[in-house]
């Protein structure tokens, strides 16, 4: 069963809790099955990487780790607030997300 996540890949979000609280970033990947997202520049984890081919270097690499989607909130581009979104129909009858604070359309 797939779970619905309130953010999509490419959305701008703000971190609500944890060591990166208050940081802004872009969603790089969404995993609905696990309920997690990966946010650019947030929740950085270090991991050891072995060299796989001859001439390749190994070492310690820093990369973004997944975090629960409940720890992030959508960022409104107009009012620059962490917000929930509502859904409205545009002129062509397509659903669009709108900010609950200011009513701006969220792309």
Protein backbone atom coordinates (compact mmCIF):
# COMPACT_ATOMS: atom_id res chain seq x y z
CA UNK A 1 0.00 0.00 0.00
CA UNK A 2 1.38 3.39 -1.01
CA UNK A 3 1.18 6.28 1.43
CA UNK A 4 0.51 9.84 0.32
CA UNK A 5 3.22 12.38 1.08
CA UNK A 6 2.43 16.10 1.16
CA UNK A 7 5.57 17.18 -0.73
CA UNK A 8 6.82 16.35 -4.22
CA UNK A 9 10.28 16.16 -5.75
CA UNK A 10 11.49 19.69 -6.50
CA UNK A 11 9.42 21.43 -3.81
CA UNK A 12 11.06 23.99 -1.51
CA UNK A 13 10.66 22.96 2.12
CA UNK A 14 11.67 24.07 5.60
CA UNK A 15 12.85 21.63 8.29
CA UNK A 16 10.58 21.68 11.36
CA UNK A 17 12.57 19.60 13.85
CA UNK A 18 15.92 17.99 14.45
CA UNK A 19 19.49 19.22 14.17
CA UNK A 20 18.74 21.13 10.95
CA UNK A 21 15.62 22.90 12.27
CA UNK A 22 14.86 26.10 10.34
CA UNK A 23 16.96 25.26 7.27
CA UNK A 24 15.48 25.59 3.79
CA UNK A 25 16.12 23.15 0.98
CA UNK A 26 14.80 21.49 -2.13
CA UNK A 27 13.34 17.97 -2.09
CA UNK A 28 15.65 15.68 -4.08
CA UNK A 29 13.76 12.39 -3.65
CA UNK A 30 10.53 11.10 -2.11
CA UNK A 31 9.93 7.58 -0.81
CA UNK A 32 6.18 7.14 -0.17
CA UNK A 33 6.56 3.52 0.93
CA UNK A 34 8.85 4.53 3.82
CA UNK A 35 7.28 7.96 4.35
CA UNK A 36 10.64 9.68 3.92
CA UNK A 37 12.17 12.48 1.86
CA UNK A 38 15.72 13.58 1.03
CA UNK A 39 16.31 17.33 1.28
CA UNK A 40 19.23 19.09 -0.41
CA UNK A 41 21.87 20.26 2.10
CA UNK A 42 20.04 18.93 5.18
CA UNK A 43 20.51 15.87 7.40
CA UNK A 44 24.08 15.32 6.21
CA UNK A 45 25.50 11.91 7.16
CA UNK A 46 29.02 10.58 6.67
CA UNK A 47 29.70 7.13 5.33
CA UNK A 48 32.80 5.16 4.48
CA UNK A 49 33.15 4.23 0.81
CA UNK A 50 35.48 1.54 -0.51
CA UNK A 51 37.19 1.98 -3.86
CA UNK A 52 35.39 -0.25 -6.38
CA UNK A 53 37.78 -0.05 -9.37
CA UNK A 54 41.51 0.22 -9.78
CA UNK A 55 42.59 3.86 -9.47
CA UNK A 56 39.39 4.93 -7.73
CA UNK A 57 39.80 6.50 -4.30
CA UNK A 58 37.80 5.53 -1.26
CA UNK A 59 37.30 7.49 1.92
CA UNK A 60 34.67 9.25 3.94
CA UNK A 61 31.85 10.81 1.91
CA UNK A 62 29.20 13.23 3.13
CA UNK A 63 25.71 12.77 1.68
CA UNK A 64 22.11 13.74 2.45
CA UNK A 65 20.24 11.09 4.43
CA UNK A 66 16.50 10.43 4.34
CA UNK A 67 14.22 11.98 6.97
CA UNK A 68 10.57 11.49 7.79
CA UNK A 69 8.26 13.68 5.72
CA UNK A 70 6.45 14.84 8.86
CA UNK A 71 9.60 16.80 9.78
CA UNK A 72 9.31 19.06 6.73
CA UNK A 73 6.76 21.68 5.69
CA UNK A 74 6.12 23.15 2.27
CA UNK A 75 7.58 26.64 1.79
CA UNK A 76 5.36 29.24 0.10
CA UNK A 77 7.30 31.13 -2.61
CA UNK A 78 5.30 34.36 -2.09
CA UNK A 79 5.00 34.78 1.70
CA UNK A 80 8.12 32.66 2.50
CA UNK A 81 6.31 30.82 5.34
CA UNK A 82 6.14 27.14 6.17
CA UNK A 83 2.59 26.34 5.17
CA UNK A 84 -0.02 23.73 4.57
CA UNK A 85 -1.62 23.75 1.16
CA UNK A 86 -5.13 23.60 -0.19
CA UNK A 87 -6.28 22.47 -3.63
CA UNK A 88 -8.24 24.67 -6.04
CA UNK A 89 -9.19 24.38 -9.69
CA UNK A 90 -7.63 26.75 -12.22
CA UNK A 91 -9.22 28.10 -15.42
CA UNK A 92 -8.67 24.86 -17.38
CA UNK A 93 -10.09 22.72 -14.56
CA UNK A 94 -6.70 21.40 -13.38
CA UNK A 95 -5.97 21.02 -9.67
CA UNK A 96 -3.36 23.42 -8.29
CA UNK A 97 -1.88 23.70 -4.80
CA UNK A 98 -2.42 27.02 -3.03
CA UNK A 99 -0.92 28.45 0.18
CA UNK A 100 -3.28 28.45 3.17
CA UNK A 101 -1.75 31.74 4.44
CA UNK A 102 -1.73 34.01 1.41
CA UNK A 103 -3.56 32.06 -1.31
CA UNK A 104 -0.60 32.06 -3.72
CA UNK A 105 -0.26 29.22 -6.19
CA UNK A 106 2.49 26.73 -5.33
CA UNK A 107 4.21 25.24 -8.38
